[in-house]
């Protein structure tokens, strides 16, 4: 083994600094691939568990509540009431909340939905959303209903 001369030292140091960034390249690539794979797994799990494909306004994981029928929207005694049939096509029960909204002619009205009893898996429930306002006959009404699990269901009907 020979001794280094003083004029060779800078050349070896320069060579070593050029090689050093690539020294951990495989490890850094492996870490990056692992992070991307972990994020992909989390996203796919979320999509599978919480986004119910093909179900408009579903009730979330385990419960898929849909507005099966909008029976009518009728005014009476200064109130507008839209009657709907909800169906739970999922495997868990879920309950509607009291909160609902009806919108027509660009104005949103907050109302009360009844009943708020749970809808069992495979069952249907008739209910109604009532607001303290009257829609003009023939107006297009868009309604929304909040379920207890935080999911919002939407429906539409023409005022009679």
C-alpha atoms as a PDB file:
ATOM      1  CA  UNK A   1       0.000   0.000   0.000  1.00  0.00           C
ATOM      2  CA  UNK A   2       1.439   3.300  -0.972  1.00  0.00           C
ATOM      3  CA  UNK A   3       1.206   6.581   0.809  1.00  0.00           C
ATOM      4  CA  UNK A   4      -0.798   9.411  -0.700  1.00  0.00           C
ATOM      5  CA  UNK A   5       1.001  12.428  -1.846  1.00  0.00           C
ATOM      6  CA  UNK A   6      -0.348  15.774  -0.772  1.00  0.00           C
ATOM      7  CA  UNK A   7      -1.344  16.710  -4.326  1.00  0.00           C
ATOM      8  CA  UNK A   8      -3.551  13.540  -4.677  1.00  0.00           C
ATOM      9  CA  UNK A   9      -5.729  14.253  -1.636  1.00  0.00           C
ATOM     10  CA  UNK A  10      -8.017  16.876  -3.246  1.00  0.00           C
ATOM     11  CA  UNK A  11      -8.598  14.582  -6.225  1.00  0.00           C
ATOM     12  CA  UNK A  12      -9.708  11.687  -3.984  1.00  0.00           C
ATOM     13  CA  UNK A  13     -11.923  13.985  -1.906  1.00  0.00           C
ATOM     14  CA  UNK A  14     -13.571  15.332  -5.072  1.00  0.00           C
ATOM     15  CA  UNK A  15     -14.112  11.791  -6.350  1.00  0.00           C
ATOM     16  CA  UNK A  16     -15.606  10.701  -3.038  1.00  0.00           C
ATOM     17  CA  UNK A  17     -18.044  13.659  -2.961  1.00  0.00           C
ATOM     18  CA  UNK A  18     -19.209  12.810  -6.496  1.00  0.00           C
ATOM     19  CA  UNK A  19     -19.908   9.200  -5.543  1.00  0.00           C
ATOM     20  CA  UNK A  20     -21.603   9.916  -2.187  1.00  0.00           C
ATOM     21  CA  UNK A  21     -24.992  11.217  -3.516  1.00  0.00           C
ATOM     22  CA  UNK A  22     -25.562   7.933  -5.360  1.00  0.00           C
ATOM     23  CA  UNK A  23     -24.572   5.897  -2.340  1.00  0.00           C
ATOM     24  CA  UNK A  24     -28.124   5.906  -0.928  1.00  0.00           C
ATOM     25  CA  UNK A  25     -29.984   5.988  -4.234  1.00  0.00           C
ATOM     26  CA  UNK A  26     -31.423   2.464  -3.909  1.00  0.00           C
ATOM     27  CA  UNK A  27     -32.545   3.117  -0.359  1.00  0.00           C
ATOM     28  CA  UNK A  28     -34.158   6.463  -1.287  1.00  0.00           C
ATOM     29  CA  UNK A  29     -35.974   4.899  -4.245  1.00  0.00           C
ATOM     30  CA  UNK A  30     -37.213   2.057  -2.022  1.00  0.00           C
ATOM     31  CA  UNK A  31     -38.522   4.549   0.550  1.00  0.00           C
ATOM     32  CA  UNK A  32     -40.274   6.604  -2.148  1.00  0.00           C
ATOM     33  CA  UNK A  33     -41.899   3.490  -3.630  1.00  0.00           C
ATOM     34  CA  UNK A  34     -43.017   2.429  -0.136  1.00  0.00           C
ATOM     35  CA  UNK A  35     -44.598   5.806   0.560  1.00  0.00           C
ATOM     36  CA  UNK A  36     -46.428   5.816  -2.785  1.00  0.00           C
ATOM     37  CA  UNK A  37     -47.684   2.256  -2.155  1.00  0.00           C
ATOM     38  CA  UNK A  38     -48.888   3.167   1.351  1.00  0.00           C
ATOM     39  CA  UNK A  39     -50.773   6.221   0.056  1.00  0.00           C
ATOM     40  CA  UNK A  40     -52.333   4.125  -2.721  1.00  0.00           C
ATOM     41  CA  UNK A  41     -53.524   1.529  -0.190  1.00  0.00           C
ATOM     42  CA  UNK A  42     -55.077   4.217   2.019  1.00  0.00           C
ATOM     43  CA  UNK A  43     -56.843   5.857  -0.952  1.00  0.00           C
ATOM     44  CA  UNK A  44     -58.154   2.542  -2.287  1.00  0.00           C
ATOM     45  CA  UNK A  45     -59.366   1.510   1.171  1.00  0.00           C
ATOM     46  CA  UNK A  46     -61.168   4.843   1.576  1.00  0.00           C
ATOM     47  CA  UNK A  47     -62.758   4.504  -1.865  1.00  0.00           C
ATOM     48  CA  UNK A  48     -63.922   0.963  -1.101  1.00  0.00           C
ATOM     49  CA  UNK A  49     -65.236   1.675   2.395  1.00  0.00           C
ATOM     50  CA  UNK A  50     -66.804   5.104   2.043  1.00  0.00           C
ATOM     51  CA  UNK A  51     -67.698   5.753  -1.587  1.00  0.00           C
ATOM     52  CA  UNK A  52     -70.579   3.576  -2.685  1.00  0.00           C
ATOM     53  CA  UNK A  53     -70.258   3.291  -6.460  1.00  0.00           C
ATOM     54  CA  UNK A  54     -73.453   3.617  -8.425  1.00  0.00           C
ATOM     55  CA  UNK A  55     -75.574   4.813  -5.512  1.00  0.00           C
ATOM     56  CA  UNK A  56     -76.699   8.449  -5.688  1.00  0.00           C
ATOM     57  CA  UNK A  57     -76.930   9.876  -2.167  1.00  0.00           C
ATOM     58  CA  UNK A  58     -76.031   6.688  -0.318  1.00  0.00           C
ATOM     59  CA  UNK A  59     -75.863   6.377   3.430  1.00  0.00           C
ATOM     60  CA  UNK A  60     -72.186   5.457   3.813  1.00  0.00           C
ATOM     61  CA  UNK A  61     -70.388   2.267   4.827  1.00  0.00           C
ATOM     62  CA  UNK A  62     -72.757  -0.598   5.571  1.00  0.00           C
ATOM     63  CA  UNK A  63     -75.897   1.416   4.886  1.00  0.00           C
ATOM     64  CA  UNK A  64     -76.961   2.623   1.481  1.00  0.00           C
ATOM     65  CA  UNK A  65     -80.103   4.692   1.792  1.00  0.00           C
ATOM     66  CA  UNK A  66     -81.644   5.976  -1.397  1.00  0.00           C
ATOM     67  CA  UNK A  67     -84.657   8.148  -2.111  1.00  0.00           C
ATOM     68  CA  UNK A  68     -86.771   5.505  -3.813  1.00  0.00           C
ATOM     69  CA  UNK A  69     -89.826   7.676  -4.557  1.00  0.00           C
ATOM     70  CA  UNK A  70     -90.735  11.320  -4.217  1.00  0.00           C
ATOM     71  CA  UNK A  71     -94.468  10.962  -3.723  1.00  0.00           C
ATOM     72  CA  UNK A  72     -95.523  14.606  -3.841  1.00  0.00           C
ATOM     73  CA  UNK A  73     -94.845  18.180  -2.790  1.00  0.00           C
ATOM     74  CA  UNK A  74     -98.048  19.828  -1.568  1.00  0.00           C
ATOM     75  CA  UNK A  75     -98.795  23.145   0.141  1.00  0.00           C
ATOM     76  CA  UNK A  76    -101.194  23.347   3.074  1.00  0.00           C
ATOM     77  CA  UNK A  77    -101.763  25.869   5.884  1.00  0.00           C
ATOM     78  CA  UNK A  78     -98.788  28.014   4.813  1.00  0.00           C
ATOM     79  CA  UNK A  79     -96.384  25.049   4.663  1.00  0.00           C
ATOM     80  CA  UNK A  80     -94.821  23.075   1.805  1.00  0.00           C
ATOM     81  CA  UNK A  81     -94.503  19.334   2.474  1.00  0.00           C
ATOM     82  CA  UNK A  82     -92.628  16.870   0.276  1.00  0.00           C
ATOM     83  CA  UNK A  83     -93.361  13.209   0.948  1.00  0.00           C
ATOM     84  CA  UNK A  84     -90.693  10.631   0.094  1.00  0.00           C
ATOM     85  CA  UNK A  85     -90.011   6.932   0.428  1.00  0.00           C
ATOM     86  CA  UNK A  86     -86.504   6.072   1.610  1.00  0.00           C
ATOM     87  CA  UNK A  87     -85.032   2.617   1.092  1.00  0.00           C
ATOM     88  CA  UNK A  88     -82.015   1.138   2.874  1.00  0.00           C
ATOM     89  CA  UNK A  89     -80.314  -1.209   0.395  1.00  0.00           C
ATOM     90  CA  UNK A  90     -77.325  -1.708   2.694  1.00  0.00           C
ATOM     91  CA  UNK A  91     -76.589  -4.131   5.529  1.00  0.00           C
ATOM     92  CA  UNK A  92     -76.770  -1.760   8.536  1.00  0.00           C
ATOM     93  CA  UNK A  93     -79.579   0.420   9.870  1.00  0.00           C
ATOM     94  CA  UNK A  94     -79.399   4.199   9.619  1.00  0.00           C
ATOM     95  CA  UNK A  95     -81.755   6.956  10.787  1.00  0.00           C
ATOM     96  CA  UNK A  96     -82.750  10.205   9.103  1.00  0.00           C
ATOM     97  CA  UNK A  97     -82.183  13.372  11.111  1.00  0.00           C
ATOM     98  CA  UNK A  98     -84.833  16.042  11.643  1.00  0.00           C
ATOM     99  CA  UNK A  99     -82.951  18.413   9.319  1.00  0.00           C
ATOM    100  CA  UNK A 100     -84.147  18.840   5.754  1.00  0.00           C
ATOM    101  CA  UNK A 101     -84.207  21.598   3.135  1.00  0.00           C
ATOM    102  CA  UNK A 102     -86.470  22.502   0.232  1.00  0.00           C
ATOM    103  CA  UNK A 103     -85.325  24.916  -2.459  1.00  0.00           C
ATOM    104  CA  UNK A 104     -87.346  26.580  -5.213  1.00  0.00           C
ATOM    105  CA  UNK A 105     -86.864  29.722  -7.293  1.00  0.00           C
ATOM    106  CA  UNK A 106     -83.333  30.080  -5.885  1.00  0.00           C
ATOM    107  CA  UNK A 107     -84.418  30.309  -2.238  1.00  0.00           C
ATOM    108  CA  UNK A 108     -83.530  27.646   0.340  1.00  0.00           C
ATOM    109  CA  UNK A 109     -85.941  26.863   3.187  1.00  0.00           C
ATOM    110  CA  UNK A 110     -84.898  24.805   6.228  1.00  0.00           C
ATOM    111  CA  UNK A 111     -87.488  22.418   7.553  1.00  0.00           C
ATOM    112  CA  UNK A 112     -88.206  19.365   9.666  1.00  0.00           C
ATOM    113  CA  UNK A 113     -88.197  15.751   8.515  1.00  0.00           C
ATOM    114  CA  UNK A 114     -90.358  13.087  10.192  1.00  0.00           C
ATOM    115  CA  UNK A 115     -90.044  10.280  11.187  1.00  0.00           C
ATOM    116  CA  UNK A 116     -86.502   9.963  12.499  1.00  0.00           C
ATOM    117  CA  UNK A 117     -86.729   6.295  13.428  1.00  0.00           C
ATOM    118  CA  UNK A 118     -83.980   3.997  12.093  1.00  0.00           C
ATOM    119  CA  UNK A 119     -84.418   2.350   8.704  1.00  0.00           C
ATOM    120  CA  UNK A 120     -83.340  -1.272   9.033  1.00  0.00           C
ATOM    121  CA  UNK A 121     -81.287  -2.971   6.326  1.00  0.00           C
ATOM    122  CA  UNK A 122     -83.552  -3.974   3.425  1.00  0.00           C
ATOM    123  CA  UNK A 123     -86.460  -1.860   4.699  1.00  0.00           C
ATOM    124  CA  UNK A 124     -88.285   1.205   3.385  1.00  0.00           C
ATOM    125  CA  UNK A 125     -89.740   4.162   5.260  1.00  0.00           C
ATOM    126  CA  UNK A 126     -92.230   6.858   4.242  1.00  0.00           C
ATOM    127  CA  UNK A 127     -91.489  10.329   5.547  1.00  0.00           C
ATOM    128  CA  UNK A 128     -91.933  13.996   4.842  1.00  0.00           C
ATOM    129  CA  UNK A 129     -90.002  17.256   4.873  1.00  0.00           C
ATOM    130  CA  UNK A 130     -92.054  20.313   5.866  1.00  0.00           C
ATOM    131  CA  UNK A 131     -90.983  23.960   5.598  1.00  0.00           C
ATOM    132  CA  UNK A 132     -92.800  27.158   6.643  1.00  0.00           C
ATOM    133  CA  UNK A 133     -93.288  28.548   3.137  1.00  0.00           C
ATOM    134  CA  UNK A 134     -95.410  27.796   0.081  1.00  0.00           C
ATOM    135  CA  UNK A 135     -93.988  27.020  -3.344  1.00  0.00           C
ATOM    136  CA  UNK A 136     -95.875  28.340  -6.356  1.00  0.00           C
ATOM    137  CA  UNK A 137     -97.794  25.662  -8.229  1.00  0.00           C
ATOM    138  CA  UNK A 138     -95.558  24.091 -10.890  1.00  0.00           C
ATOM    139  CA  UNK A 139     -92.310  25.268  -9.250  1.00  0.00           C
ATOM    140  CA  UNK A 140     -89.389  22.858  -9.422  1.00  0.00           C
ATOM    141  CA  UNK A 141     -88.483  21.861  -5.867  1.00  0.00           C
ATOM    142  CA  UNK A 142     -85.123  20.365  -4.919  1.00  0.00           C
ATOM    143  CA  UNK A 143     -84.966  18.758  -1.499  1.00  0.00           C
ATOM    144  CA  UNK A 144     -82.227  17.434   0.745  1.00  0.00           C
ATOM    145  CA  UNK A 145     -82.318  15.317   3.864  1.00  0.00           C
ATOM    146  CA  UNK A 146     -79.484  14.728   6.304  1.00  0.00           C
ATOM    147  CA  UNK A 147     -78.992  11.245   7.753  1.00  0.00           C
ATOM    148  CA  UNK A 148     -77.647  10.727  11.277  1.00  0.00           C
ATOM    149  CA  UNK A 149     -74.355   9.420   9.833  1.00  0.00           C
ATOM    150  CA  UNK A 150     -73.789  12.783   8.096  1.00  0.00           C
ATOM    151  CA  UNK A 151     -74.730  11.741   4.559  1.00  0.00           C
ATOM    152  CA  UNK A 152     -77.075  14.001   2.606  1.00  0.00           C
ATOM    153  CA  UNK A 153     -79.793  12.565   0.348  1.00  0.00           C
ATOM    154  CA  UNK A 154     -81.240  14.658  -2.489  1.00  0.00           C
ATOM    155  CA  UNK A 155     -84.535  14.561  -4.354  1.00  0.00           C
ATOM    156  CA  UNK A 156     -86.578  16.681  -6.774  1.00  0.00           C
ATOM    157  CA  UNK A 157     -90.293  17.175  -7.464  1.00  0.00           C
ATOM    158  CA  UNK A 158     -92.695  19.682  -8.973  1.00  0.00           C
ATOM    159  CA  UNK A 159     -94.967  21.593  -6.587  1.00  0.00           C
ATOM    160  CA  UNK A 160     -98.635  20.782  -7.028  1.00  0.00           C
END
